């Protein structure tokens, strides 16, 4: 695709829509694991990897302790209803 044509069309849309287009491009890059050679994705730190491994192990040992997102969201909204 001609990048100059793409840039010309991109510049014709309002700035708030340009931001949405950029968000969508980022989504597509992450969704399809497209890596920019100039900006490689950062690796997780060993500490974060260890924490995630621990959480996965905890989940696998006690899957019944997991709460659905809707339940957590409802509880937080009820608790902080005046913060919105």
PDB file of N, CA and C in Angstrom:
ATOM      1  N   UNK A   1       0.844  -1.179   0.000  1.00  0.00           N
ATOM      2  CA  UNK A   1       0.000   0.000   0.000  1.00  0.00           C
ATOM      3  C   UNK A   1       0.887   1.239   0.000  1.00  0.00           C
ATOM      4  N   UNK A   2       0.409   2.257  -0.658  1.00  0.00           N
ATOM      5  CA  UNK A   2       1.146   3.502  -0.751  1.00  0.00           C
ATOM      6  C   UNK A   2       1.002   4.261   0.564  1.00  0.00           C
ATOM      7  N   UNK A   3       2.085   4.382   1.304  1.00  0.00           N
ATOM      8  CA  UNK A   3       2.032   5.035   2.614  1.00  0.00           C
ATOM      9  C   UNK A   3       1.754   6.533   2.506  1.00  0.00           C
ATOM     10  N   UNK A   4       2.159   7.149   1.410  1.00  0.00           N
ATOM     11  CA  UNK A   4       1.884   8.573   1.247  1.00  0.00           C
ATOM     12  C   UNK A   4       0.384   8.810   1.082  1.00  0.00           C
ATOM     13  N   UNK A   5      -0.291   7.992   0.315  1.00  0.00           N
ATOM     14  CA  UNK A   5      -1.740   8.089   0.145  1.00  0.00           C
ATOM     15  C   UNK A   5      -2.443   7.853   1.480  1.00  0.00           C
ATOM     16  N   UNK A   6      -1.984   6.875   2.207  1.00  0.00           N
ATOM     17  CA  UNK A   6      -2.553   6.583   3.514  1.00  0.00           C
ATOM     18  C   UNK A   6      -2.391   7.776   4.457  1.00  0.00           C
ATOM     19  N   UNK A   7      -1.227   8.366   4.477  1.00  0.00           N
ATOM     20  CA  UNK A   7      -0.969   9.531   5.318  1.00  0.00           C
ATOM     21  C   UNK A   7      -1.829  10.725   4.905  1.00  0.00           C
ATOM     22  N   UNK A   8      -1.989  10.952   3.608  1.00  0.00           N
ATOM     23  CA  UNK A   8      -2.844  12.039   3.137  1.00  0.00           C
ATOM     24  C   UNK A   8      -4.276  11.854   3.636  1.00  0.00           C
ATOM     25  N   UNK A   9      -4.799  10.668   3.503  1.00  0.00           N
ATOM     26  CA  UNK A   9      -6.174  10.411   3.949  1.00  0.00           C
ATOM     27  C   UNK A   9      -6.285  10.504   5.464  1.00  0.00           C
ATOM     28  N   UNK A  10      -5.280  10.010   6.146  1.00  0.00           N
ATOM     29  CA  UNK A  10      -5.274  10.075   7.614  1.00  0.00           C
ATOM     30  C   UNK A  10      -5.344  11.525   8.073  1.00  0.00           C
ATOM     31  N   UNK A  11      -4.611  12.396   7.413  1.00  0.00           N
ATOM     32  CA  UNK A  11      -4.565  13.811   7.791  1.00  0.00           C
ATOM     33  C   UNK A  11      -5.863  14.563   7.477  1.00  0.00           C
ATOM     34  N   UNK A  12      -6.762  13.967   6.711  1.00  0.00           N
ATOM     35  CA  UNK A  12      -8.035  14.638   6.402  1.00  0.00           C
ATOM     36  C   UNK A  12      -9.086  14.419   7.480  1.00  0.00           C
ATOM     37  N   UNK A  13      -8.877  13.467   8.364  1.00  0.00           N
ATOM     38  CA  UNK A  13      -9.893  13.206   9.389  1.00  0.00           C
ATOM     39  C   UNK A  13      -9.578  14.009  10.647  1.00  0.00           C
ATOM     40  N   UNK A  14     -10.607  14.315  11.444  1.00  0.00           N
ATOM     41  CA  UNK A  14     -10.396  15.094  12.670  1.00  0.00           C
ATOM     42  C   UNK A  14      -9.427  14.398  13.626  1.00  0.00           C
ATOM     43  N   UNK A  15      -8.784  15.197  14.456  1.00  0.00           N
ATOM     44  CA  UNK A  15      -7.747  14.680  15.357  1.00  0.00           C
ATOM     45  C   UNK A  15      -8.275  13.611  16.302  1.00  0.00           C
ATOM     46  N   UNK A  16      -9.497  13.786  16.831  1.00  0.00           N
ATOM     47  CA  UNK A  16     -10.019  12.781  17.749  1.00  0.00           C
ATOM     48  C   UNK A  16     -10.208  11.439  17.044  1.00  0.00           C
ATOM     49  N   UNK A  17     -10.560  11.466  15.762  1.00  0.00           N
ATOM     50  CA  UNK A  17     -10.667  10.214  15.005  1.00  0.00           C
ATOM     51  C   UNK A  17      -9.288   9.648  14.682  1.00  0.00           C
ATOM     52  N   UNK A  18      -8.325  10.534  14.482  1.00  0.00           N
ATOM     53  CA  UNK A  18      -6.961  10.053  14.251  1.00  0.00           C
ATOM     54  C   UNK A  18      -6.468   9.249  15.443  1.00  0.00           C
ATOM     55  N   UNK A  19      -6.801   9.724  16.653  1.00  0.00           N
ATOM     56  CA  UNK A  19      -6.400   9.000  17.861  1.00  0.00           C
ATOM     57  C   UNK A  19      -7.065   7.623  17.919  1.00  0.00           C
ATOM     58  N   UNK A  20      -8.313   7.561  17.486  1.00  0.00           N
ATOM     59  CA  UNK A  20      -9.006   6.272  17.456  1.00  0.00           C
ATOM     60  C   UNK A  20      -8.356   5.328  16.448  1.00  0.00           C
ATOM     61  N   UNK A  21      -7.962   5.875  15.307  1.00  0.00           N
ATOM     62  CA  UNK A  21      -7.277   5.067  14.287  1.00  0.00           C
ATOM     63  C   UNK A  21      -5.965   4.528  14.854  1.00  0.00           C
ATOM     64  N   UNK A  22      -5.228   5.380  15.548  1.00  0.00           N
ATOM     65  CA  UNK A  22      -3.959   4.941  16.139  1.00  0.00           C
ATOM     66  C   UNK A  22      -4.189   3.855  17.191  1.00  0.00           C
ATOM     67  N   UNK A  23      -5.235   4.017  18.000  1.00  0.00           N
ATOM     68  CA  UNK A  23      -5.572   2.976  18.981  1.00  0.00           C
ATOM     69  C   UNK A  23      -5.888   1.661  18.281  1.00  0.00           C
ATOM     70  N   UNK A  24      -6.635   1.752  17.181  1.00  0.00           N
ATOM     71  CA  UNK A  24      -6.993   0.539  16.447  1.00  0.00           C
ATOM     72  C   UNK A  24      -5.756  -0.118  15.829  1.00  0.00           C
ATOM     73  N   UNK A  25      -4.857   0.684  15.324  1.00  0.00           N
ATOM     74  CA  UNK A  25      -3.615   0.139  14.766  1.00  0.00           C
ATOM     75  C   UNK A  25      -2.826  -0.585  15.863  1.00  0.00           C
ATOM     76  N   UNK A  26      -2.737   0.039  17.049  1.00  0.00           N
ATOM     77  CA  UNK A  26      -2.054  -0.617  18.172  1.00  0.00           C
ATOM     78  C   UNK A  26      -2.735  -1.926  18.533  1.00  0.00           C
ATOM     79  N   UNK A  27      -4.075  -1.919  18.527  1.00  0.00           N
ATOM     80  CA  UNK A  27      -4.823  -3.140  18.810  1.00  0.00           C
ATOM     81  C   UNK A  27      -4.463  -4.229  17.806  1.00  0.00           C
ATOM     82  N   UNK A  28      -4.452  -3.892  16.523  1.00  0.00           N
ATOM     83  CA  UNK A  28      -4.139  -4.883  15.490  1.00  0.00           C
ATOM     84  C   UNK A  28      -2.716  -5.422  15.636  1.00  0.00           C
ATOM     85  N   UNK A  29      -1.791  -4.540  15.942  1.00  0.00           N
ATOM     86  CA  UNK A  29      -0.402  -4.961  16.136  1.00  0.00           C
ATOM     87  C   UNK A  29      -0.313  -5.963  17.274  1.00  0.00           C
ATOM     88  N   UNK A  30      -0.977  -5.643  18.404  1.00  0.00           N
ATOM     89  CA  UNK A  30      -0.956  -6.557  19.551  1.00  0.00           C
ATOM     90  C   UNK A  30      -1.736  -7.836  19.274  1.00  0.00           C
ATOM     91  N   UNK A  31      -2.876  -7.718  18.617  1.00  0.00           N
ATOM     92  CA  UNK A  31      -3.741  -8.873  18.357  1.00  0.00           C
ATOM     93  C   UNK A  31      -3.042  -9.897  17.480  1.00  0.00           C
ATOM     94  N   UNK A  32      -2.358  -9.420  16.461  1.00  0.00           N
ATOM     95  CA  UNK A  32      -1.711 -10.315  15.511  1.00  0.00           C
ATOM     96  C   UNK A  32      -0.211 -10.438  15.737  1.00  0.00           C
ATOM     97  N   UNK A  33       0.232  -9.965  16.880  1.00  0.00           N
ATOM     98  CA  UNK A  33       1.624 -10.111  17.305  1.00  0.00           C
ATOM     99  C   UNK A  33       2.601  -9.623  16.247  1.00  0.00           C
ATOM    100  N   UNK A  34       2.283  -8.458  15.699  1.00  0.00           N
ATOM    101  CA  UNK A  34       3.151  -7.826  14.707  1.00  0.00           C
ATOM    102  C   UNK A  34       4.161  -6.992  15.476  1.00  0.00           C
ATOM    103  N   UNK A  35       5.428  -7.226  15.246  1.00  0.00           N
ATOM    104  CA  UNK A  35       6.452  -6.519  16.000  1.00  0.00           C
ATOM    105  C   UNK A  35       7.166  -5.516  15.115  1.00  0.00           C
ATOM    106  N   UNK A  36       7.314  -4.351  15.648  1.00  0.00           N
ATOM    107  CA  UNK A  36       8.029  -3.280  14.981  1.00  0.00           C
ATOM    108  C   UNK A  36       9.523  -3.514  15.220  1.00  0.00           C
ATOM    109  N   UNK A  37      10.279  -3.651  14.152  1.00  0.00           N
ATOM    110  CA  UNK A  37      11.712  -3.928  14.290  1.00  0.00           C
ATOM    111  C   UNK A  37      12.461  -2.783  14.975  1.00  0.00           C
ATOM    112  N   UNK A  38      11.973  -1.549  14.803  1.00  0.00           N
ATOM    113  CA  UNK A  38      12.632  -0.395  15.428  1.00  0.00           C
ATOM    114  C   UNK A  38      12.267  -0.267  16.904  1.00  0.00           C
ATOM    115  N   UNK A  39      11.083  -0.775  17.301  1.00  0.00           N
ATOM    116  CA  UNK A  39      10.618  -0.689  18.684  1.00  0.00           C
ATOM    117  C   UNK A  39      10.180  -2.066  19.169  1.00  0.00           C
ATOM    118  N   UNK A  40      11.136  -2.935  19.441  1.00  0.00           N
ATOM    119  CA  UNK A  40      10.742  -4.278  19.872  1.00  0.00           C
ATOM    120  C   UNK A  40       9.970  -4.226  21.184  1.00  0.00           C
ATOM    121  N   UNK A  41       9.046  -5.191  21.343  1.00  0.00           N
ATOM    122  CA  UNK A  41       8.264  -5.226  22.572  1.00  0.00           C
ATOM    123  C   UNK A  41       9.170  -5.590  23.741  1.00  0.00           C
ATOM    124  N   UNK A  42       8.858  -4.971  24.878  1.00  0.00           N
ATOM    125  CA  UNK A  42       9.651  -5.225  26.067  1.00  0.00           C
ATOM    126  C   UNK A  42       9.352  -6.604  26.630  1.00  0.00           C
ATOM    127  N   UNK A  43      10.367  -7.227  27.154  1.00  0.00           N
ATOM    128  CA  UNK A  43      10.188  -8.496  27.849  1.00  0.00           C
ATOM    129  C   UNK A  43       9.719  -8.219  29.263  1.00  0.00           C
ATOM    130  N   UNK A  44       8.989  -9.153  29.824  1.00  0.00           N
ATOM    131  CA  UNK A  44       8.594  -9.025  31.224  1.00  0.00           C
ATOM    132  C   UNK A  44       9.807  -9.219  32.106  1.00  0.00           C
ATOM    133  N   UNK A  45       9.835  -8.504  33.200  1.00  0.00           N
ATOM    134  CA  UNK A  45      10.955  -8.660  34.134  1.00  0.00           C
ATOM    135  C   UNK A  45      10.839 -10.024  34.812  1.00  0.00           C
ATOM    136  N   UNK A  46      11.934 -10.553  35.316  1.00  0.00           N
ATOM    137  CA  UNK A  46      11.881 -11.842  36.020  1.00  0.00           C
ATOM    138  C   UNK A  46      10.917 -11.802  37.218  1.00  0.00           C
ATOM    139  N   UNK A  47      10.851 -10.656  37.883  1.00  0.00           N
ATOM    140  CA  UNK A  47       9.943 -10.533  39.037  1.00  0.00           C
ATOM    141  C   UNK A  47       8.490 -10.661  38.615  1.00  0.00           C
ATOM    142  N   UNK A  48       8.128 -10.009  37.502  1.00  0.00           N
ATOM    143  CA  UNK A  48       6.752 -10.077  37.010  1.00  0.00           C
ATOM    144  C   UNK A  48       6.436 -11.493  36.531  1.00  0.00           C
ATOM    145  N   UNK A  49       7.382 -12.114  35.826  1.00  0.00           N
ATOM    146  CA  UNK A  49       7.166 -13.492  35.381  1.00  0.00           C
ATOM    147  C   UNK A  49       6.939 -14.415  36.573  1.00  0.00           C
ATOM    148  N   UNK A  50       7.723 -14.239  37.613  1.00  0.00           N
ATOM    149  CA  UNK A  50       7.578 -15.056  38.822  1.00  0.00           C
ATOM    150  C   UNK A  50       6.207 -14.837  39.466  1.00  0.00           C
ATOM    151  N   UNK A  51       5.784 -13.584  39.556  1.00  0.00           N
ATOM    152  CA  UNK A  51       4.476 -13.268  40.127  1.00  0.00           C
ATOM    153  C   UNK A  51       3.353 -13.902  39.306  1.00  0.00           C
ATOM    154  N   UNK A  52       3.428 -13.798  37.987  1.00  0.00           N
ATOM    155  CA  UNK A  52       2.403 -14.388  37.136  1.00  0.00           C
ATOM    156  C   UNK A  52       2.388 -15.911  37.257  1.00  0.00           C
ATOM    157  N   UNK A  53       3.561 -16.519  37.308  1.00  0.00           N
ATOM    158  CA  UNK A  53       3.632 -17.976  37.494  1.00  0.00           C
ATOM    159  C   UNK A  53       2.998 -18.397  38.814  1.00  0.00           C
ATOM    160  N   UNK A  54       3.232 -17.619  39.868  1.00  0.00           N
ATOM    161  CA  UNK A  54       2.638 -17.920  41.172  1.00  0.00           C
ATOM    162  C   UNK A  54       1.123 -17.811  41.116  1.00  0.00           C
ATOM    163  N   UNK A  55       0.636 -16.770  40.464  1.00  0.00           N
ATOM    164  CA  UNK A  55      -0.809 -16.584  40.366  1.00  0.00           C
ATOM    165  C   UNK A  55      -1.459 -17.697  39.548  1.00  0.00           C
ATOM    166  N   UNK A  56      -0.815 -18.115  38.486  1.00  0.00           N
ATOM    167  CA  UNK A  56      -1.350 -19.227  37.686  1.00  0.00           C
ATOM    168  C   UNK A  56      -1.380 -20.494  38.522  1.00  0.00           C
ATOM    169  N   UNK A  57      -0.303 -20.757  39.271  1.00  0.00           N
ATOM    170  CA  UNK A  57      -0.253 -21.949  40.129  1.00  0.00           C
ATOM    171  C   UNK A  57      -1.349 -21.880  41.190  1.00  0.00           C
ATOM    172  N   UNK A  58      -1.552 -20.714  41.795  1.00  0.00           N
ATOM    173  CA  UNK A  58      -2.623 -20.557  42.786  1.00  0.00           C
ATOM    174  C   UNK A  58      -3.985 -20.833  42.170  1.00  0.00           C
ATOM    175  N   UNK A  59      -4.191 -20.334  40.984  1.00  0.00           N
ATOM    176  CA  UNK A  59      -5.463 -20.563  40.306  1.00  0.00           C
ATOM    177  C   UNK A  59      -5.665 -22.054  40.020  1.00  0.00           C
ATOM    178  N   UNK A  60      -4.616 -22.707  39.547  1.00  0.00           N
ATOM    179  CA  UNK A  60      -4.746 -24.129  39.214  1.00  0.00           C
ATOM    180  C   UNK A  60      -5.011 -24.983  40.452  1.00  0.00           C
ATOM    181  N   UNK A  61      -4.470 -24.588  41.611  1.00  0.00           N
ATOM    182  CA  UNK A  61      -4.717 -25.310  42.854  1.00  0.00           C
ATOM    183  C   UNK A  61      -6.117 -25.032  43.404  1.00  0.00           C
ATOM    184  N   UNK A  62      -6.613 -23.809  43.230  1.00  0.00           N
ATOM    185  CA  UNK A  62      -7.886 -23.389  43.826  1.00  0.00           C
ATOM    186  C   UNK A  62      -8.781 -22.672  42.813  1.00  0.00           C
ATOM    187  N   UNK A  63      -9.190 -23.339  41.747  1.00  0.00           N
ATOM    188  CA  UNK A  63     -10.008 -22.648  40.744  1.00  0.00           C
ATOM    189  C   UNK A  63     -11.366 -22.199  41.286  1.00  0.00           C
ATOM    190  N   UNK A  64     -11.828 -22.817  42.364  1.00  0.00           N
ATOM    191  CA  UNK A  64     -13.116 -22.452  42.948  1.00  0.00           C
ATOM    192  C   UNK A  64     -13.077 -21.102  43.670  1.00  0.00           C
ATOM    193  N   UNK A  65     -11.887 -20.581  43.931  1.00  0.00           N
ATOM    194  CA  UNK A  65     -11.764 -19.298  44.624  1.00  0.00           C
ATOM    195  C   UNK A  65     -11.844 -18.092  43.680  1.00  0.00           C
ATOM    196  N   UNK A  66     -11.924 -18.364  42.398  1.00  0.00           N
ATOM    197  CA  UNK A  66     -11.975 -17.280  41.414  1.00  0.00           C
ATOM    198  C   UNK A  66     -13.379 -16.700  41.391  1.00  0.00           C
ATOM    199  N   UNK A  67     -13.449 -15.364  41.356  1.00  0.00           N
ATOM    200  CA  UNK A  67     -14.736 -14.680  41.292  1.00  0.00           C
ATOM    201  C   UNK A  67     -14.926 -14.118  39.885  1.00  0.00           C
ATOM    202  N   UNK A  68     -16.142 -14.170  39.396  1.00  0.00           N
ATOM    203  CA  UNK A  68     -16.399 -13.596  38.066  1.00  0.00           C
ATOM    204  C   UNK A  68     -16.172 -12.091  38.069  1.00  0.00           C
ATOM    205  N   UNK A  69     -15.731 -11.579  36.942  1.00  0.00           N
ATOM    206  CA  UNK A  69     -15.450 -10.159  36.834  1.00  0.00           C
ATOM    207  C   UNK A  69     -16.676  -9.331  37.197  1.00  0.00           C
ATOM    208  N   UNK A  70     -17.871  -9.748  36.757  1.00  0.00           N
ATOM    209  CA  UNK A  70     -19.076  -8.979  37.029  1.00  0.00           C
ATOM    210  C   UNK A  70     -19.295  -8.808  38.529  1.00  0.00           C
ATOM    211  N   UNK A  71     -19.016  -9.838  39.296  1.00  0.00           N
ATOM    212  CA  UNK A  71     -19.174  -9.763  40.752  1.00  0.00           C
ATOM    213  C   UNK A  71     -18.200  -8.747  41.355  1.00  0.00           C
ATOM    214  N   UNK A  72     -16.978  -8.756  40.883  1.00  0.00           N
ATOM    215  CA  UNK A  72     -15.970  -7.822  41.380  1.00  0.00           C
ATOM    216  C   UNK A  72     -16.335  -6.393  40.990  1.00  0.00           C
ATOM    217  N   UNK A  73     -16.745  -6.212  39.750  1.00  0.00           N
ATOM    218  CA  UNK A  73     -17.124  -4.884  39.287  1.00  0.00           C
ATOM    219  C   UNK A  73     -18.313  -4.343  40.084  1.00  0.00           C
ATOM    220  N   UNK A  74     -19.331  -5.179  40.291  1.00  0.00           N
ATOM    221  CA  UNK A  74     -20.503  -4.755  41.057  1.00  0.00           C
ATOM    222  C   UNK A  74     -20.120  -4.337  42.476  1.00  0.00           C
ATOM    223  N   UNK A  75     -19.264  -5.121  43.106  1.00  0.00           N
ATOM    224  CA  UNK A  75     -18.837  -4.808  44.470  1.00  0.00           C
ATOM    225  C   UNK A  75     -18.078  -3.486  44.520  1.00  0.00           C
ATOM    226  N   UNK A  76     -17.171  -3.273  43.564  1.00  0.00           N
ATOM    227  CA  UNK A  76     -16.402  -2.026  43.542  1.00  0.00           C
ATOM    228  C   UNK A  76     -17.280  -0.820  43.246  1.00  0.00           C
ATOM    229  N   UNK A  77     -18.223  -0.979  42.335  1.00  0.00           N
ATOM    230  CA  UNK A  77     -19.117   0.135  42.029  1.00  0.00           C
ATOM    231  C   UNK A  77     -19.999   0.473  43.226  1.00  0.00           C
ATOM    232  N   UNK A  78     -20.442  -0.553  43.928  1.00  0.00           N
ATOM    233  CA  UNK A  78     -21.263  -0.308  45.113  1.00  0.00           C
ATOM    234  C   UNK A  78     -20.437   0.378  46.199  1.00  0.00           C
ATOM    235  N   UNK A  79     -19.218  -0.086  46.390  1.00  0.00           N
ATOM    236  CA  UNK A  79     -18.348   0.469  47.426  1.00  0.00           C
ATOM    237  C   UNK A  79     -17.964   1.914  47.125  1.00  0.00           C
ATOM    238  N   UNK A  80     -17.739   2.218  45.871  1.00  0.00           N
ATOM    239  CA  UNK A  80     -17.233   3.538  45.480  1.00  0.00           C
ATOM    240  C   UNK A  80     -18.260   4.298  44.625  1.00  0.00           C
ATOM    241  N   UNK A  81     -19.531   4.121  44.909  1.00  0.00           N
ATOM    242  CA  UNK A  81     -20.565   4.713  44.078  1.00  0.00           C
ATOM    243  C   UNK A  81     -20.503   6.227  43.994  1.00  0.00           C
ATOM    244  N   UNK A  82     -19.962   6.857  45.011  1.00  0.00           N
ATOM    245  CA  UNK A  82     -19.888   8.313  45.018  1.00  0.00           C
ATOM    246  C   UNK A  82     -18.619   8.827  44.343  1.00  0.00           C
ATOM    247  N   UNK A  83     -17.713   7.938  44.003  1.00  0.00           N
ATOM    248  CA  UNK A  83     -16.449   8.354  43.389  1.00  0.00           C
ATOM    249  C   UNK A  83     -16.601   8.581  41.884  1.00  0.00           C
ATOM    250  N   UNK A  84     -17.689   8.096  41.314  1.00  0.00           N
ATOM    251  CA  UNK A  84     -17.859   8.226  39.870  1.00  0.00           C
ATOM    252  C   UNK A  84     -18.257   9.584  39.460  1.00  0.00           C
TER     253      UNK A  84
END
